[in-house]
């Protein structure tokens, strides 16, 4: 029994505002808020035994929050 393989094709446009804030010498906070407009999402079958299919995705507001590390400028000199 073989597992079906698919290639995902997705296109979108994003309008967003993002900011970064230094919390400590090595620790940063990243925040992003925006609107994502989806054009299409489809899964293309890699073999002829399975059919390709499309997924209807909704346009939506989104937000992202992240924490990352980065050395201070004084550390790199």
PDB file of N, CA and C in Angstrom:
ATOM      1  N   UNK A   1       0.844  -1.189   0.000  1.00  0.00           N
ATOM      2  CA  UNK A   1       0.000   0.000   0.000  1.00  0.00           C
ATOM      3  C   UNK A   1       0.883   1.244   0.000  1.00  0.00           C
ATOM      4  N   UNK A   2       0.682   2.093  -0.981  1.00  0.00           N
ATOM      5  CA  UNK A   2       1.466   3.328  -1.106  1.00  0.00           C
ATOM      6  C   UNK A   2       0.747   4.503  -0.472  1.00  0.00           C
ATOM      7  N   UNK A   3       1.524   5.434   0.039  1.00  0.00           N
ATOM      8  CA  UNK A   3       0.958   6.674   0.575  1.00  0.00           C
ATOM      9  C   UNK A   3       0.862   7.686  -0.555  1.00  0.00           C
ATOM     10  N   UNK A   4      -0.274   8.364  -0.642  1.00  0.00           N
ATOM     11  CA  UNK A   4      -0.468   9.362  -1.695  1.00  0.00           C
ATOM     12  C   UNK A   4       0.387  10.592  -1.398  1.00  0.00           C
ATOM     13  N   UNK A   5       1.011  11.141  -2.422  1.00  0.00           N
ATOM     14  CA  UNK A   5       1.829  12.345  -2.290  1.00  0.00           C
ATOM     15  C   UNK A   5       1.179  13.485  -3.064  1.00  0.00           C
ATOM     16  N   UNK A   6       1.206  14.671  -2.455  1.00  0.00           N
ATOM     17  CA  UNK A   6       0.613  15.854  -3.068  1.00  0.00           C
ATOM     18  C   UNK A   6       1.606  17.007  -3.014  1.00  0.00           C
ATOM     19  N   UNK A   7       1.469  17.929  -3.963  1.00  0.00           N
ATOM     20  CA  UNK A   7       2.200  19.199  -3.934  1.00  0.00           C
ATOM     21  C   UNK A   7       1.154  20.275  -3.640  1.00  0.00           C
ATOM     22  N   UNK A   8       1.414  21.100  -2.624  1.00  0.00           N
ATOM     23  CA  UNK A   8       0.467  22.153  -2.270  1.00  0.00           C
ATOM     24  C   UNK A   8       0.841  23.428  -3.008  1.00  0.00           C
ATOM     25  N   UNK A   9      -0.120  24.003  -3.721  1.00  0.00           N
ATOM     26  CA  UNK A   9       0.059  25.271  -4.425  1.00  0.00           C
ATOM     27  C   UNK A   9      -0.856  26.293  -3.756  1.00  0.00           C
ATOM     28  N   UNK A  10      -0.276  27.388  -3.296  1.00  0.00           N
ATOM     29  CA  UNK A  10      -1.045  28.376  -2.549  1.00  0.00           C
ATOM     30  C   UNK A  10      -0.594  29.774  -2.958  1.00  0.00           C
ATOM     31  N   UNK A  11      -1.552  30.670  -3.161  1.00  0.00           N
ATOM     32  CA  UNK A  11      -1.198  32.061  -3.450  1.00  0.00           C
ATOM     33  C   UNK A  11      -2.055  32.974  -2.585  1.00  0.00           C
ATOM     34  N   UNK A  12      -1.427  34.028  -2.079  1.00  0.00           N
ATOM     35  CA  UNK A  12      -2.085  34.966  -1.175  1.00  0.00           C
ATOM     36  C   UNK A  12      -1.426  36.324  -1.277  1.00  0.00           C
ATOM     37  N   UNK A  13      -2.101  37.326  -0.743  1.00  0.00           N
ATOM     38  CA  UNK A  13      -1.533  38.662  -0.615  1.00  0.00           C
ATOM     39  C   UNK A  13      -1.793  39.096   0.827  1.00  0.00           C
ATOM     40  N   UNK A  14      -0.776  39.673   1.452  1.00  0.00           N
ATOM     41  CA  UNK A  14      -0.911  40.118   2.832  1.00  0.00           C
ATOM     42  C   UNK A  14      -0.652  41.614   2.941  1.00  0.00           C
ATOM     43  N   UNK A  15      -1.492  42.273   3.719  1.00  0.00           N
ATOM     44  CA  UNK A  15      -1.304  43.671   4.081  1.00  0.00           C
ATOM     45  C   UNK A  15      -1.111  43.665   5.589  1.00  0.00           C
ATOM     46  N   UNK A  16       0.023  44.199   6.068  1.00  0.00           N
ATOM     47  CA  UNK A  16       0.296  44.039   7.489  1.00  0.00           C
ATOM     48  C   UNK A  16       1.104  45.192   8.065  1.00  0.00           C
ATOM     49  N   UNK A  17       1.119  45.243   9.385  1.00  0.00           N
ATOM     50  CA  UNK A  17       1.941  46.147  10.163  1.00  0.00           C
ATOM     51  C   UNK A  17       2.746  45.282  11.107  1.00  0.00           C
ATOM     52  N   UNK A  18       4.057  45.499  11.169  1.00  0.00           N
ATOM     53  CA  UNK A  18       4.886  44.713  12.083  1.00  0.00           C
ATOM     54  C   UNK A  18       5.816  45.634  12.858  1.00  0.00           C
ATOM     55  N   UNK A  19       6.207  45.155  14.025  1.00  0.00           N
ATOM     56  CA  UNK A  19       7.120  45.905  14.878  1.00  0.00           C
ATOM     57  C   UNK A  19       8.003  44.943  15.661  1.00  0.00           C
ATOM     58  N   UNK A  20       9.180  45.410  16.047  1.00  0.00           N
ATOM     59  CA  UNK A  20      10.096  44.647  16.883  1.00  0.00           C
ATOM     60  C   UNK A  20      10.469  45.500  18.081  1.00  0.00           C
ATOM     61  N   UNK A  21      10.558  44.886  19.238  1.00  0.00           N
ATOM     62  CA  UNK A  21      10.889  45.598  20.466  1.00  0.00           C
ATOM     63  C   UNK A  21      11.959  44.819  21.220  1.00  0.00           C
ATOM     64  N   UNK A  22      13.010  45.510  21.628  1.00  0.00           N
ATOM     65  CA  UNK A  22      14.084  44.895  22.405  1.00  0.00           C
ATOM     66  C   UNK A  22      13.626  44.760  23.854  1.00  0.00           C
ATOM     67  N   UNK A  23      13.615  43.527  24.381  1.00  0.00           N
ATOM     68  CA  UNK A  23      13.189  43.283  25.757  1.00  0.00           C
ATOM     69  C   UNK A  23      14.375  43.223  26.717  1.00  0.00           C
ATOM     70  N   UNK A  24      15.476  42.675  26.269  1.00  0.00           N
ATOM     71  CA  UNK A  24      16.703  42.535  27.058  1.00  0.00           C
ATOM     72  C   UNK A  24      17.854  42.533  26.056  1.00  0.00           C
ATOM     73  N   UNK A  25      19.111  42.606  26.515  1.00  0.00           N
ATOM     74  CA  UNK A  25      20.228  42.700  25.562  1.00  0.00           C
ATOM     75  C   UNK A  25      20.209  41.674  24.423  1.00  0.00           C
ATOM     76  N   UNK A  26      19.773  40.462  24.658  1.00  0.00           N
ATOM     77  CA  UNK A  26      19.765  39.436  23.611  1.00  0.00           C
ATOM     78  C   UNK A  26      18.359  39.031  23.175  1.00  0.00           C
ATOM     79  N   UNK A  27      17.313  39.530  23.792  1.00  0.00           N
ATOM     80  CA  UNK A  27      15.959  39.032  23.563  1.00  0.00           C
ATOM     81  C   UNK A  27      15.078  40.109  22.929  1.00  0.00           C
ATOM     82  N   UNK A  28      14.416  39.720  21.845  1.00  0.00           N
ATOM     83  CA  UNK A  28      13.548  40.628  21.090  1.00  0.00           C
ATOM     84  C   UNK A  28      12.146  40.039  20.970  1.00  0.00           C
ATOM     85  N   UNK A  29      11.162  40.924  20.900  1.00  0.00           N
ATOM     86  CA  UNK A  29       9.774  40.552  20.663  1.00  0.00           C
ATOM     87  C   UNK A  29       9.393  41.049  19.271  1.00  0.00           C
ATOM     88  N   UNK A  30       8.721  40.198  18.509  1.00  0.00           N
ATOM     89  CA  UNK A  30       8.270  40.528  17.159  1.00  0.00           C
ATOM     90  C   UNK A  30       6.754  40.376  17.129  1.00  0.00           C
ATOM     91  N   UNK A  31       6.036  41.388  16.637  1.00  0.00           N
ATOM     92  CA  UNK A  31       4.574  41.324  16.549  1.00  0.00           C
ATOM     93  C   UNK A  31       4.143  41.779  15.159  1.00  0.00           C
ATOM     94  N   UNK A  32       3.130  41.112  14.639  1.00  0.00           N
ATOM     95  CA  UNK A  32       2.608  41.446  13.315  1.00  0.00           C
ATOM     96  C   UNK A  32       1.097  41.268  13.328  1.00  0.00           C
ATOM     97  N   UNK A  33       0.392  42.210  12.736  1.00  0.00           N
ATOM     98  CA  UNK A  33      -1.067  42.113  12.588  1.00  0.00           C
ATOM     99  C   UNK A  33      -1.407  42.540  11.165  1.00  0.00           C
ATOM    100  N   UNK A  34      -2.370  41.860  10.553  1.00  0.00           N
ATOM    101  CA  UNK A  34      -2.680  42.206   9.173  1.00  0.00           C
ATOM    102  C   UNK A  34      -3.908  41.496   8.641  1.00  0.00           C
ATOM    103  N   UNK A  35      -4.077  41.594   7.329  1.00  0.00           N
ATOM    104  CA  UNK A  35      -5.188  40.975   6.623  1.00  0.00           C
ATOM    105  C   UNK A  35      -4.605  40.132   5.497  1.00  0.00           C
ATOM    106  N   UNK A  36      -5.052  38.887   5.403  1.00  0.00           N
ATOM    107  CA  UNK A  36      -4.573  37.979   4.367  1.00  0.00           C
ATOM    108  C   UNK A  36      -5.679  37.722   3.357  1.00  0.00           C
ATOM    109  N   UNK A  37      -5.405  38.044   2.085  1.00  0.00           N
ATOM    110  CA  UNK A  37      -6.336  37.812   0.986  1.00  0.00           C
ATOM    111  C   UNK A  37      -5.853  36.589   0.209  1.00  0.00           C
ATOM    112  N   UNK A  38      -6.631  35.522   0.235  1.00  0.00           N
ATOM    113  CA  UNK A  38      -6.253  34.268  -0.423  1.00  0.00           C
ATOM    114  C   UNK A  38      -6.777  34.218  -1.850  1.00  0.00           C
ATOM    115  N   UNK A  39      -5.918  33.841  -2.777  1.00  0.00           N
ATOM    116  CA  UNK A  39      -6.317  33.675  -4.171  1.00  0.00           C
ATOM    117  C   UNK A  39      -6.751  32.240  -4.444  1.00  0.00           C
ATOM    118  N   UNK A  40      -5.886  31.276  -4.136  1.00  0.00           N
ATOM    119  CA  UNK A  40      -6.237  29.879  -4.374  1.00  0.00           C
ATOM    120  C   UNK A  40      -5.337  28.958  -3.555  1.00  0.00           C
ATOM    121  N   UNK A  41      -5.877  27.791  -3.253  1.00  0.00           N
ATOM    122  CA  UNK A  41      -5.111  26.721  -2.602  1.00  0.00           C
ATOM    123  C   UNK A  41      -5.544  25.416  -3.243  1.00  0.00           C
ATOM    124  N   UNK A  42      -4.602  24.686  -3.787  1.00  0.00           N
ATOM    125  CA  UNK A  42      -4.932  23.381  -4.347  1.00  0.00           C
ATOM    126  C   UNK A  42      -3.820  22.386  -4.054  1.00  0.00           C
ATOM    127  N   UNK A  43      -4.202  21.115  -4.040  1.00  0.00           N
ATOM    128  CA  UNK A  43      -3.270  20.024  -3.801  1.00  0.00           C
ATOM    129  C   UNK A  43      -3.187  19.197  -5.074  1.00  0.00           C
ATOM    130  N   UNK A  44      -2.027  19.199  -5.692  1.00  0.00           N
ATOM    131  CA  UNK A  44      -1.810  18.507  -6.953  1.00  0.00           C
ATOM    132  C   UNK A  44      -1.255  17.109  -6.669  1.00  0.00           C
ATOM    133  N   UNK A  45      -1.957  16.087  -7.136  1.00  0.00           N
ATOM    134  CA  UNK A  45      -1.534  14.706  -6.910  1.00  0.00           C
ATOM    135  C   UNK A  45      -0.254  14.413  -7.676  1.00  0.00           C
ATOM    136  N   UNK A  46       0.665  13.707  -7.017  1.00  0.00           N
ATOM    137  CA  UNK A  46       1.937  13.338  -7.652  1.00  0.00           C
ATOM    138  C   UNK A  46       1.814  12.049  -8.467  1.00  0.00           C
ATOM    139  N   UNK A  47       0.745  11.291  -8.260  1.00  0.00           N
ATOM    140  CA  UNK A  47       0.530  10.068  -9.034  1.00  0.00           C
ATOM    141  C   UNK A  47      -0.871  10.097  -9.642  1.00  0.00           C
ATOM    142  N   UNK A  48      -1.102   9.241 -10.621  1.00  0.00           N
ATOM    143  CA  UNK A  48      -2.392   9.230 -11.313  1.00  0.00           C
ATOM    144  C   UNK A  48      -3.443   8.409 -10.565  1.00  0.00           C
ATOM    145  N   UNK A  49      -3.053   7.721  -9.496  1.00  0.00           N
ATOM    146  CA  UNK A  49      -3.993   6.888  -8.743  1.00  0.00           C
ATOM    147  C   UNK A  49      -4.915   7.712  -7.843  1.00  0.00           C
ATOM    148  N   UNK A  50      -4.540   8.942  -7.564  1.00  0.00           N
ATOM    149  CA  UNK A  50      -5.327   9.817  -6.686  1.00  0.00           C
ATOM    150  C   UNK A  50      -5.663  11.089  -7.444  1.00  0.00           C
ATOM    151  N   UNK A  51      -6.785  11.694  -7.096  1.00  0.00           N
ATOM    152  CA  UNK A  51      -7.187  12.930  -7.765  1.00  0.00           C
ATOM    153  C   UNK A  51      -6.657  14.159  -7.041  1.00  0.00           C
ATOM    154  N   UNK A  52      -6.366  15.186  -7.811  1.00  0.00           N
ATOM    155  CA  UNK A  52      -6.021  16.484  -7.240  1.00  0.00           C
ATOM    156  C   UNK A  52      -7.291  17.128  -6.712  1.00  0.00           C
ATOM    157  N   UNK A  53      -7.148  18.052  -5.766  1.00  0.00           N
ATOM    158  CA  UNK A  53      -8.333  18.731  -5.246  1.00  0.00           C
ATOM    159  C   UNK A  53      -7.990  20.153  -4.826  1.00  0.00           C
ATOM    160  N   UNK A  54      -9.029  20.998  -4.749  1.00  0.00           N
ATOM    161  CA  UNK A  54      -8.879  22.398  -4.338  1.00  0.00           C
ATOM    162  C   UNK A  54      -9.512  22.592  -2.971  1.00  0.00           C
ATOM    163  N   UNK A  55      -9.013  23.570  -2.236  1.00  0.00           N
ATOM    164  CA  UNK A  55      -9.549  23.924  -0.932  1.00  0.00           C
ATOM    165  C   UNK A  55      -9.951  25.393  -0.996  1.00  0.00           C
ATOM    166  N   UNK A  56     -11.153  25.708  -0.545  1.00  0.00           N
ATOM    167  CA  UNK A  56     -11.589  27.104  -0.517  1.00  0.00           C
ATOM    168  C   UNK A  56     -11.219  27.707   0.834  1.00  0.00           C
ATOM    169  N   UNK A  57     -10.256  28.610   0.829  1.00  0.00           N
ATOM    170  CA  UNK A  57      -9.823  29.258   2.068  1.00  0.00           C
ATOM    171  C   UNK A  57     -10.463  30.637   2.163  1.00  0.00           C
ATOM    172  N   UNK A  58     -10.659  31.086   3.380  1.00  0.00           N
ATOM    173  CA  UNK A  58     -11.288  32.389   3.610  1.00  0.00           C
ATOM    174  C   UNK A  58     -10.233  33.474   3.774  1.00  0.00           C
ATOM    175  N   UNK A  59     -10.586  34.676   3.401  1.00  0.00           N
ATOM    176  CA  UNK A  59      -9.759  35.839   3.691  1.00  0.00           C
ATOM    177  C   UNK A  59      -9.956  36.139   5.176  1.00  0.00           C
ATOM    178  N   UNK A  60      -8.904  36.607   5.850  1.00  0.00           N
ATOM    179  CA  UNK A  60      -9.034  36.781   7.297  1.00  0.00           C
ATOM    180  C   UNK A  60      -7.999  37.738   7.860  1.00  0.00           C
ATOM    181  N   UNK A  61      -8.338  38.297   9.016  1.00  0.00           N
ATOM    182  CA  UNK A  61      -7.364  39.032   9.817  1.00  0.00           C
ATOM    183  C   UNK A  61      -6.449  38.005  10.478  1.00  0.00           C
ATOM    184  N   UNK A  62      -5.209  38.374  10.744  1.00  0.00           N
ATOM    185  CA  UNK A  62      -4.304  37.467  11.437  1.00  0.00           C
ATOM    186  C   UNK A  62      -3.368  38.261  12.324  1.00  0.00           C
ATOM    187  N   UNK A  63      -2.753  37.560  13.272  1.00  0.00           N
ATOM    188  CA  UNK A  63      -1.715  38.161  14.099  1.00  0.00           C
ATOM    189  C   UNK A  63      -0.647  37.125  14.380  1.00  0.00           C
ATOM    190  N   UNK A  64       0.548  37.611  14.622  1.00  0.00           N
ATOM    191  CA  UNK A  64       1.691  36.743  14.893  1.00  0.00           C
ATOM    192  C   UNK A  64       2.520  37.405  15.982  1.00  0.00           C
ATOM    193  N   UNK A  65       2.930  36.627  16.962  1.00  0.00           N
ATOM    194  CA  UNK A  65       3.810  37.122  18.017  1.00  0.00           C
ATOM    195  C   UNK A  65       4.968  36.144  18.118  1.00  0.00           C
ATOM    196  N   UNK A  66       6.179  36.674  18.172  1.00  0.00           N
ATOM    197  CA  UNK A  66       7.349  35.820  18.269  1.00  0.00           C
ATOM    198  C   UNK A  66       8.413  36.419  19.169  1.00  0.00           C
ATOM    199  N   UNK A  67       9.275  35.562  19.659  1.00  0.00           N
ATOM    200  CA  UNK A  67      10.422  35.972  20.470  1.00  0.00           C
ATOM    201  C   UNK A  67      11.654  35.389  19.801  1.00  0.00           C
ATOM    202  N   UNK A  68      12.691  36.204  19.639  1.00  0.00           N
ATOM    203  CA  UNK A  68      13.923  35.701  19.042  1.00  0.00           C
ATOM    204  C   UNK A  68      15.128  36.305  19.752  1.00  0.00           C
ATOM    205  N   UNK A  69      16.280  35.682  19.537  1.00  0.00           N
ATOM    206  CA  UNK A  69      17.518  36.195  20.142  1.00  0.00           C
ATOM    207  C   UNK A  69      18.409  36.775  19.058  1.00  0.00           C
ATOM    208  N   UNK A  70      19.114  37.825  19.425  1.00  0.00           N
ATOM    209  CA  UNK A  70      20.040  38.474  18.515  1.00  0.00           C
ATOM    210  C   UNK A  70      21.097  39.173  19.362  1.00  0.00           C
ATOM    211  N   UNK A  71      22.376  38.993  19.042  1.00  0.00           N
ATOM    212  CA  UNK A  71      23.406  39.653  19.851  1.00  0.00           C
ATOM    213  C   UNK A  71      23.354  41.165  19.705  1.00  0.00           C
ATOM    214  N   UNK A  72      23.658  41.888  20.772  1.00  0.00           N
ATOM    215  CA  UNK A  72      23.694  43.348  20.682  1.00  0.00           C
ATOM    216  C   UNK A  72      24.798  43.811  19.724  1.00  0.00           C
ATOM    217  N   UNK A  73      24.664  45.026  19.189  1.00  0.00           N
ATOM    218  CA  UNK A  73      25.667  45.573  18.261  1.00  0.00           C
ATOM    219  C   UNK A  73      27.060  45.607  18.893  1.00  0.00           C
ATOM    220  N   UNK A  74      27.146  45.914  20.181  1.00  0.00           N
ATOM    221  CA  UNK A  74      28.444  45.995  20.861  1.00  0.00           C
ATOM    222  C   UNK A  74      29.149  44.627  20.900  1.00  0.00           C
ATOM    223  N   UNK A  75      28.407  43.556  20.869  1.00  0.00           N
ATOM    224  CA  UNK A  75      28.980  42.208  20.902  1.00  0.00           C
ATOM    225  C   UNK A  75      29.661  41.862  19.574  1.00  0.00           C
ATOM    226  N   UNK A  76      29.175  42.413  18.487  1.00  0.00           N
ATOM    227  CA  UNK A  76      29.700  42.084  17.159  1.00  0.00           C
ATOM    228  C   UNK A  76      30.951  42.867  16.786  1.00  0.00           C
ATOM    229  N   UNK A  77      31.277  43.912  17.527  1.00  0.00           N
ATOM    230  CA  UNK A  77      32.448  44.749  17.178  1.00  0.00           C
ATOM    231  C   UNK A  77      33.701  44.263  17.830  1.00  0.00           C
TER     232      UNK A  77
END
